[in-house]
Amino acid sequence: MSVEVQPRPLTYEQERGKPMPSRNHGRVQTNLIVEFFQQQQFSIYSELTLTIGGVNFAPDISIYPRETADYRHDEVTRTELPLVAVEILSPSQSHQEVVEKAELYLRHGVKTCWIVSPPLRTVTLLLPGGREEVFHLGAVKDPAVGLTADLAKVFS
């Protein structure tokens, strides 16, 4: 008698290659998108898959120069990297893991990586050349591309 083994469905982490987002993660992500959307010189994408060196990554938010919408032709993955990649820490994610991903983005041409920590209510900008800026209060202003976000609204 043969027993058929049913494959187990992939977990969110296995399927997406990233930790499952939490309530606070989702709230902060939504608030950041609302803040960014007001800046008409940028196009904002949530969970867009980027292919870098044959490997797929999905930053929480990707910021590109303003693009015209083309709803007839879609892309499942993109090889053109964004100006800014935003990673929001999830409870099961380590800072080191996110920093390493941000450094990879920077090495491949992303201008700035925002690392957002909901529990500490901070935004750290990682810039080329090992520079970083940390924001706890007020507005974040990205020195590389001019993108801004009011932290009171991001963490409201």
N, C-alpha and C. Protein backbone atom coordinates (compact mmCIF):
# COMPACT_ATOMS: atom_id res chain seq x y z
N MET A 1 0.84 -1.16 0.00
CA MET A 1 0.00 0.00 0.00
C MET A 1 0.90 1.24 0.00
N SER A 2 0.65 2.13 -0.92
CA SER A 2 1.46 3.34 -0.99
C SER A 2 0.71 4.50 -0.36
N VAL A 3 1.45 5.31 0.34
CA VAL A 3 0.87 6.48 0.99
C VAL A 3 1.32 7.71 0.21
N GLU A 4 0.35 8.48 -0.21
CA GLU A 4 0.66 9.69 -0.96
C GLU A 4 0.95 10.82 0.03
N VAL A 5 2.10 11.43 -0.14
CA VAL A 5 2.48 12.54 0.73
C VAL A 5 2.03 13.84 0.08
N GLN A 6 1.22 14.56 0.79
CA GLN A 6 0.75 15.85 0.30
C GLN A 6 1.78 16.93 0.63
N PRO A 7 2.20 17.70 -0.38
CA PRO A 7 3.14 18.78 -0.07
C PRO A 7 2.48 19.83 0.82
N ARG A 8 3.25 20.32 1.73
CA ARG A 8 2.74 21.37 2.62
C ARG A 8 2.82 22.71 1.90
N PRO A 9 1.81 23.53 2.07
CA PRO A 9 1.87 24.84 1.42
C PRO A 9 3.03 25.66 1.99
N LEU A 10 3.59 26.50 1.15
CA LEU A 10 4.68 27.36 1.60
C LEU A 10 4.17 28.36 2.62
N THR A 11 4.99 28.66 3.60
CA THR A 11 4.64 29.72 4.54
C THR A 11 4.86 31.06 3.85
N TYR A 12 4.34 32.10 4.42
CA TYR A 12 4.54 33.45 3.88
C TYR A 12 6.03 33.73 3.74
N GLU A 13 6.79 33.39 4.78
CA GLU A 13 8.23 33.64 4.77
C GLU A 13 8.92 32.89 3.64
N GLN A 14 8.54 31.64 3.40
CA GLN A 14 9.16 30.85 2.33
C GLN A 14 8.77 31.39 0.96
N GLU A 15 7.50 31.72 0.80
CA GLU A 15 7.01 32.19 -0.49
C GLU A 15 7.60 33.55 -0.86
N ARG A 16 7.67 34.48 0.08
CA ARG A 16 8.11 35.84 -0.20
C ARG A 16 9.59 36.07 0.10
N GLY A 17 10.21 35.16 0.85
CA GLY A 17 11.61 35.35 1.20
C GLY A 17 11.81 36.47 2.20
N LYS A 18 10.79 36.72 2.99
CA LYS A 18 10.87 37.77 4.01
C LYS A 18 9.89 37.46 5.13
N PRO A 19 10.10 38.05 6.32
CA PRO A 19 9.22 37.75 7.45
C PRO A 19 7.79 38.25 7.23
N MET A 20 6.87 37.60 7.89
CA MET A 20 5.49 38.03 7.83
C MET A 20 5.35 39.39 8.52
N PRO A 21 4.70 40.35 7.84
CA PRO A 21 4.53 41.66 8.47
C PRO A 21 3.53 41.59 9.64
N SER A 22 3.67 42.54 10.53
CA SER A 22 2.80 42.62 11.70
C SER A 22 1.83 43.79 11.55
N ARG A 23 0.98 43.96 12.53
CA ARG A 23 0.03 45.08 12.54
C ARG A 23 0.76 46.40 12.47
N ASN A 24 1.76 46.59 13.34
CA ASN A 24 2.50 47.86 13.35
C ASN A 24 3.27 48.07 12.05
N HIS A 25 3.82 46.99 11.52
CA HIS A 25 4.52 47.06 10.23
C HIS A 25 3.57 47.60 9.16
N GLY A 26 2.39 47.01 9.07
CA GLY A 26 1.40 47.43 8.07
C GLY A 26 0.95 48.87 8.25
N ARG A 27 0.77 49.27 9.48
CA ARG A 27 0.33 50.64 9.76
C ARG A 27 1.40 51.64 9.33
N VAL A 28 2.65 51.38 9.72
CA VAL A 28 3.75 52.28 9.36
C VAL A 28 3.94 52.31 7.85
N GLN A 29 3.82 51.15 7.20
CA GLN A 29 3.97 51.09 5.75
C GLN A 29 2.90 51.94 5.07
N THR A 30 1.66 51.82 5.50
CA THR A 30 0.58 52.63 4.95
C THR A 30 0.82 54.11 5.18
N ASN A 31 1.22 54.48 6.40
CA ASN A 31 1.47 55.89 6.71
C ASN A 31 2.61 56.46 5.87
N LEU A 32 3.66 55.68 5.66
CA LEU A 32 4.77 56.14 4.81
C LEU A 32 4.30 56.34 3.37
N ILE A 33 3.52 55.42 2.85
CA ILE A 33 3.03 55.55 1.49
C ILE A 33 2.19 56.81 1.34
N VAL A 34 1.35 57.10 2.32
CA VAL A 34 0.54 58.33 2.28
C VAL A 34 1.45 59.56 2.29
N GLU A 35 2.48 59.56 3.12
CA GLU A 35 3.43 60.67 3.16
C GLU A 35 4.15 60.83 1.82
N PHE A 36 4.60 59.73 1.26
CA PHE A 36 5.35 59.78 0.01
C PHE A 36 4.47 60.17 -1.18
N PHE A 37 3.21 59.72 -1.17
CA PHE A 37 2.31 59.94 -2.29
C PHE A 37 2.10 61.43 -2.58
N GLN A 38 2.20 62.25 -1.56
CA GLN A 38 2.00 63.69 -1.72
C GLN A 38 3.12 64.35 -2.53
N GLN A 39 4.23 63.67 -2.71
CA GLN A 39 5.38 64.22 -3.41
C GLN A 39 5.33 63.76 -4.86
N GLN A 40 4.80 64.60 -5.70
CA GLN A 40 4.45 64.24 -7.07
C GLN A 40 5.64 63.88 -7.98
N GLN A 41 6.86 64.15 -7.56
CA GLN A 41 8.02 63.83 -8.40
C GLN A 41 8.43 62.36 -8.30
N PHE A 42 7.71 61.60 -7.46
CA PHE A 42 8.06 60.19 -7.26
C PHE A 42 6.88 59.28 -7.59
N SER A 43 7.21 58.04 -7.98
CA SER A 43 6.22 56.96 -8.09
C SER A 43 6.51 55.98 -6.97
N ILE A 44 5.48 55.60 -6.25
CA ILE A 44 5.61 54.78 -5.05
C ILE A 44 5.04 53.38 -5.32
N TYR A 45 5.82 52.35 -4.97
CA TYR A 45 5.37 50.97 -5.15
C TYR A 45 5.54 50.20 -3.85
N SER A 46 4.51 49.45 -3.49
CA SER A 46 4.52 48.62 -2.30
C SER A 46 4.81 47.19 -2.70
N GLU A 47 5.81 46.56 -2.04
CA GLU A 47 6.09 45.13 -2.23
C GLU A 47 6.45 44.77 -3.68
N LEU A 48 7.08 45.67 -4.41
CA LEU A 48 7.49 45.40 -5.78
C LEU A 48 8.70 44.47 -5.77
N THR A 49 8.66 43.41 -6.56
CA THR A 49 9.77 42.47 -6.61
C THR A 49 10.87 43.01 -7.53
N LEU A 50 12.08 43.09 -6.99
CA LEU A 50 13.25 43.55 -7.73
C LEU A 50 14.17 42.36 -7.95
N THR A 51 14.69 42.23 -9.15
CA THR A 51 15.65 41.17 -9.44
C THR A 51 17.04 41.79 -9.49
N ILE A 52 17.90 41.31 -8.58
CA ILE A 52 19.28 41.79 -8.50
C ILE A 52 20.19 40.58 -8.61
N GLY A 53 20.97 40.53 -9.67
CA GLY A 53 21.88 39.40 -9.87
C GLY A 53 21.18 38.07 -9.91
N GLY A 54 19.98 38.03 -10.48
CA GLY A 54 19.24 36.78 -10.59
C GLY A 54 18.48 36.38 -9.33
N VAL A 55 18.55 37.18 -8.29
CA VAL A 55 17.86 36.89 -7.02
C VAL A 55 16.76 37.93 -6.82
N ASN A 56 15.60 37.48 -6.36
CA ASN A 56 14.48 38.40 -6.14
C ASN A 56 14.46 38.93 -4.71
N PHE A 57 14.17 40.22 -4.61
CA PHE A 57 14.01 40.91 -3.33
C PHE A 57 12.73 41.73 -3.42
N ALA A 58 12.09 41.96 -2.29
CA ALA A 58 10.86 42.76 -2.28
C ALA A 58 10.92 43.76 -1.13
N PRO A 59 11.52 44.93 -1.35
CA PRO A 59 11.49 45.94 -0.30
C PRO A 59 10.03 46.26 0.05
N ASP A 60 9.81 46.73 1.24
CA ASP A 60 8.45 47.09 1.64
C ASP A 60 7.90 48.21 0.76
N ILE A 61 8.76 49.18 0.44
CA ILE A 61 8.37 50.29 -0.44
C ILE A 61 9.55 50.58 -1.36
N SER A 62 9.26 50.80 -2.63
CA SER A 62 10.27 51.22 -3.61
C SER A 62 9.84 52.56 -4.19
N ILE A 63 10.79 53.49 -4.27
CA ILE A 63 10.51 54.83 -4.77
C ILE A 63 11.29 55.05 -6.06
N TYR A 64 10.58 55.39 -7.12
CA TYR A 64 11.18 55.66 -8.43
C TYR A 64 10.91 57.11 -8.82
N PRO A 65 11.68 57.64 -9.77
CA PRO A 65 11.29 58.93 -10.34
C PRO A 65 9.89 58.78 -10.93
N ARG A 66 9.15 59.87 -11.01
CA ARG A 66 7.77 59.83 -11.50
C ARG A 66 7.68 59.08 -12.83
N GLU A 67 6.76 58.12 -12.90
CA GLU A 67 6.55 57.33 -14.11
C GLU A 67 5.09 57.46 -14.54
N THR A 68 4.86 57.41 -15.82
CA THR A 68 3.50 57.39 -16.35
C THR A 68 2.93 56.00 -16.15
N ALA A 69 1.72 55.94 -15.66
CA ALA A 69 1.06 54.65 -15.46
C ALA A 69 0.77 53.99 -16.81
N ASP A 70 1.00 52.69 -16.89
CA ASP A 70 0.70 51.91 -18.09
C ASP A 70 0.01 50.63 -17.62
N TYR A 71 -1.30 50.68 -17.53
CA TYR A 71 -2.06 49.56 -16.98
C TYR A 71 -2.25 48.43 -17.98
N ARG A 72 -1.94 48.64 -19.24
CA ARG A 72 -2.03 47.58 -20.23
C ARG A 72 -0.84 46.64 -20.18
N HIS A 73 0.31 47.13 -19.70
CA HIS A 73 1.54 46.35 -19.67
C HIS A 73 2.07 46.35 -18.24
N ASP A 74 2.08 45.19 -17.63
CA ASP A 74 2.50 45.09 -16.23
C ASP A 74 3.85 44.38 -16.15
N GLU A 75 4.47 44.46 -15.00
CA GLU A 75 5.73 43.78 -14.74
C GLU A 75 5.59 43.00 -13.44
N VAL A 76 6.02 41.75 -13.44
CA VAL A 76 6.00 40.95 -12.24
C VAL A 76 7.25 41.22 -11.41
N THR A 77 8.37 41.40 -12.10
CA THR A 77 9.62 41.78 -11.42
C THR A 77 10.25 42.93 -12.21
N ARG A 78 11.11 43.65 -11.52
CA ARG A 78 11.80 44.76 -12.15
C ARG A 78 13.29 44.61 -11.95
N THR A 79 14.05 44.90 -13.00
CA THR A 79 15.51 44.89 -12.87
C THR A 79 16.04 46.30 -12.69
N GLU A 80 15.28 47.31 -13.13
CA GLU A 80 15.67 48.70 -12.89
C GLU A 80 15.41 49.00 -11.42
N LEU A 81 16.47 49.35 -10.71
CA LEU A 81 16.34 49.55 -9.27
C LEU A 81 15.79 50.93 -8.94
N PRO A 82 15.13 51.04 -7.78
CA PRO A 82 14.54 52.32 -7.37
C PRO A 82 15.60 53.31 -6.89
N LEU A 83 15.18 54.55 -6.76
CA LEU A 83 16.03 55.56 -6.12
C LEU A 83 16.19 55.24 -4.64
N VAL A 84 15.07 54.84 -4.02
CA VAL A 84 15.02 54.58 -2.58
C VAL A 84 14.33 53.25 -2.33
N ALA A 85 14.89 52.45 -1.43
CA ALA A 85 14.26 51.22 -0.96
C ALA A 85 13.99 51.39 0.53
N VAL A 86 12.77 51.07 0.95
CA VAL A 86 12.38 51.19 2.35
C VAL A 86 12.15 49.79 2.91
N GLU A 87 12.81 49.51 4.02
CA GLU A 87 12.60 48.25 4.74
C GLU A 87 12.09 48.59 6.14
N ILE A 88 10.97 48.00 6.50
CA ILE A 88 10.37 48.21 7.83
C ILE A 88 10.62 46.95 8.63
N LEU A 89 11.24 47.10 9.78
CA LEU A 89 11.55 45.94 10.60
C LEU A 89 10.29 45.25 11.10
N SER A 90 10.27 43.93 10.96
CA SER A 90 9.20 43.10 11.51
C SER A 90 9.70 42.50 12.82
N PRO A 91 8.79 42.08 13.70
CA PRO A 91 9.22 41.54 14.99
C PRO A 91 10.20 40.38 14.90
N SER A 92 10.09 39.56 13.86
CA SER A 92 10.97 38.39 13.76
C SER A 92 12.25 38.65 12.96
N GLN A 93 12.48 39.88 12.57
CA GLN A 93 13.61 40.23 11.72
C GLN A 93 14.73 40.87 12.54
N SER A 94 15.98 40.52 12.20
CA SER A 94 17.10 41.15 12.90
C SER A 94 17.55 42.40 12.18
N HIS A 95 18.10 43.33 12.93
CA HIS A 95 18.65 44.55 12.34
C HIS A 95 19.75 44.19 11.34
N GLN A 96 20.59 43.22 11.69
CA GLN A 96 21.71 42.84 10.83
C GLN A 96 21.23 42.36 9.47
N GLU A 97 20.19 41.55 9.48
CA GLU A 97 19.62 41.02 8.24
C GLU A 97 19.16 42.16 7.32
N VAL A 98 18.50 43.16 7.89
CA VAL A 98 17.98 44.28 7.10
C VAL A 98 19.12 45.17 6.63
N VAL A 99 20.12 45.41 7.47
CA VAL A 99 21.27 46.22 7.08
C VAL A 99 22.01 45.55 5.92
N GLU A 100 22.19 44.26 5.97
CA GLU A 100 22.87 43.55 4.88
C GLU A 100 22.10 43.67 3.58
N LYS A 101 20.77 43.57 3.64
CA LYS A 101 19.95 43.73 2.44
C LYS A 101 20.07 45.16 1.91
N ALA A 102 20.04 46.14 2.80
CA ALA A 102 20.18 47.55 2.40
C ALA A 102 21.53 47.80 1.74
N GLU A 103 22.58 47.23 2.29
CA GLU A 103 23.91 47.41 1.70
C GLU A 103 23.98 46.80 0.30
N LEU A 104 23.31 45.68 0.09
CA LEU A 104 23.24 45.07 -1.23
C LEU A 104 22.55 46.03 -2.21
N TYR A 105 21.43 46.61 -1.79
CA TYR A 105 20.72 47.57 -2.64
C TYR A 105 21.66 48.73 -3.01
N LEU A 106 22.36 49.27 -2.03
CA LEU A 106 23.26 50.39 -2.28
C LEU A 106 24.38 50.02 -3.25
N ARG A 107 24.95 48.84 -3.08
CA ARG A 107 26.02 48.39 -3.99
C ARG A 107 25.55 48.30 -5.43
N HIS A 108 24.26 48.08 -5.63
CA HIS A 108 23.72 47.93 -6.98
C HIS A 108 23.09 49.21 -7.53
N GLY A 109 23.23 50.33 -6.81
CA GLY A 109 22.81 51.62 -7.38
C GLY A 109 21.66 52.33 -6.74
N VAL A 110 21.01 51.73 -5.72
CA VAL A 110 19.96 52.44 -5.01
C VAL A 110 20.63 53.62 -4.28
N LYS A 111 20.00 54.79 -4.33
CA LYS A 111 20.61 56.00 -3.76
C LYS A 111 20.56 56.02 -2.23
N THR A 112 19.44 55.57 -1.68
CA THR A 112 19.25 55.59 -0.22
C THR A 112 18.39 54.41 0.20
N CYS A 113 18.69 53.84 1.36
CA CYS A 113 17.84 52.83 1.97
C CYS A 113 17.34 53.36 3.31
N TRP A 114 16.05 53.35 3.46
CA TRP A 114 15.43 53.74 4.72
C TRP A 114 15.17 52.46 5.51
N ILE A 115 15.66 52.42 6.74
CA ILE A 115 15.35 51.32 7.65
C ILE A 115 14.48 51.90 8.75
N VAL A 116 13.27 51.40 8.84
CA VAL A 116 12.28 51.94 9.76
C VAL A 116 12.08 50.96 10.91
N SER A 117 12.19 51.46 12.13
CA SER A 117 12.00 50.64 13.33
C SER A 117 10.76 51.11 14.07
N PRO A 118 9.61 50.43 13.90
CA PRO A 118 8.40 50.86 14.60
C PRO A 118 8.53 50.90 16.13
N PRO A 119 9.14 49.89 16.80
CA PRO A 119 9.19 49.96 18.26
C PRO A 119 9.99 51.16 18.78
N LEU A 120 11.02 51.56 18.05
CA LEU A 120 11.84 52.70 18.48
C LEU A 120 11.42 54.00 17.84
N ARG A 121 10.47 53.92 16.93
CA ARG A 121 9.97 55.09 16.19
C ARG A 121 11.12 55.88 15.58
N THR A 122 11.99 55.17 14.89
CA THR A 122 13.13 55.81 14.24
C THR A 122 13.20 55.40 12.77
N VAL A 123 13.83 56.28 12.01
CA VAL A 123 14.15 56.00 10.61
C VAL A 123 15.65 56.23 10.46
N THR A 124 16.34 55.23 9.95
CA THR A 124 17.77 55.35 9.67
C THR A 124 17.94 55.34 8.16
N LEU A 125 18.60 56.35 7.65
CA LEU A 125 18.91 56.41 6.23
C LEU A 125 20.32 55.88 6.04
N LEU A 126 20.47 54.85 5.22
CA LEU A 126 21.78 54.36 4.85
C LEU A 126 22.08 54.91 3.46
N LEU A 127 23.24 55.54 3.34
CA LEU A 127 23.64 56.21 2.11
C LEU A 127 24.92 55.60 1.58
N PRO A 128 25.22 55.78 0.31
CA PRO A 128 26.47 55.25 -0.24
C PRO A 128 27.68 55.77 0.55
N GLY A 129 28.74 55.00 0.52
CA GLY A 129 29.97 55.40 1.20
C GLY A 129 29.95 55.16 2.70
N GLY A 130 28.97 54.38 3.19
CA GLY A 130 28.91 54.07 4.61
C GLY A 130 28.30 55.16 5.48
N ARG A 131 27.77 56.20 4.86
CA ARG A 131 27.14 57.28 5.65
C ARG A 131 25.76 56.83 6.12
N GLU A 132 25.37 57.39 7.26
CA GLU A 132 24.02 57.13 7.76
C GLU A 132 23.52 58.34 8.53
N GLU A 133 22.20 58.49 8.53
CA GLU A 133 21.54 59.55 9.30
C GLU A 133 20.38 58.90 10.02
N VAL A 134 20.20 59.27 11.31
CA VAL A 134 19.14 58.69 12.13
C VAL A 134 18.18 59.80 12.54
N PHE A 135 16.87 59.52 12.39
CA PHE A 135 15.83 60.50 12.72
C PHE A 135 14.89 59.90 13.77
N HIS A 136 14.66 60.70 14.84
CA HIS A 136 13.73 60.29 15.91
C HIS A 136 12.51 61.21 15.96
N LEU A 137 12.69 62.46 15.60
CA LEU A 137 11.64 63.48 15.70
C LEU A 137 11.63 64.33 14.45
N GLY A 138 10.52 65.04 14.26
CA GLY A 138 10.45 65.99 13.15
C GLY A 138 10.26 65.29 11.82
N ALA A 139 10.87 65.88 10.80
CA ALA A 139 10.72 65.34 9.45
C ALA A 139 12.03 64.72 8.98
N VAL A 140 11.89 63.61 8.28
CA VAL A 140 13.04 62.99 7.62
C VAL A 140 13.16 63.68 6.27
N LYS A 141 14.37 64.10 5.92
CA LYS A 141 14.62 64.61 4.57
C LYS A 141 15.80 63.84 4.02
N ASP A 142 15.53 63.11 2.97
CA ASP A 142 16.55 62.28 2.32
C ASP A 142 17.49 63.20 1.54
N PRO A 143 18.78 63.26 1.94
CA PRO A 143 19.70 64.18 1.27
C PRO A 143 20.04 63.78 -0.16
N ALA A 144 19.83 62.52 -0.52
CA ALA A 144 20.18 62.06 -1.86
C ALA A 144 19.11 62.38 -2.90
N VAL A 145 17.84 62.30 -2.51
CA VAL A 145 16.77 62.47 -3.50
C VAL A 145 15.71 63.50 -3.10
N GLY A 146 15.77 64.02 -1.88
CA GLY A 146 14.82 65.03 -1.44
C GLY A 146 13.50 64.50 -0.92
N LEU A 147 13.32 63.19 -0.84
CA LEU A 147 12.10 62.58 -0.31
C LEU A 147 11.96 62.96 1.17
N THR A 148 10.73 63.27 1.60
CA THR A 148 10.51 63.65 3.00
C THR A 148 9.37 62.85 3.61
N ALA A 149 9.38 62.78 4.95
CA ALA A 149 8.29 62.14 5.69
C ALA A 149 8.26 62.74 7.09
N ASP A 150 7.07 63.12 7.54
CA ASP A 150 6.86 63.66 8.89
C ASP A 150 6.71 62.48 9.85
N LEU A 151 7.65 62.34 10.78
CA LEU A 151 7.63 61.19 11.68
C LEU A 151 6.40 61.14 12.57
N ALA A 152 5.85 62.30 12.93
CA ALA A 152 4.62 62.30 13.74
C ALA A 152 3.49 61.61 12.98
N LYS A 153 3.45 61.77 11.67
CA LYS A 153 2.41 61.13 10.85
C LYS A 153 2.76 59.67 10.56
N VAL A 154 4.02 59.40 10.35
CA VAL A 154 4.45 58.01 10.08
C VAL A 154 4.13 57.10 11.25
N PHE A 155 4.36 57.59 12.47
CA PHE A 155 4.15 56.77 13.66
C PHE A 155 2.86 57.13 14.41
N SER A 156 1.84 57.62 13.67
CA SER A 156 0.57 57.99 14.32
C SER A 156 -0.37 56.79 14.35
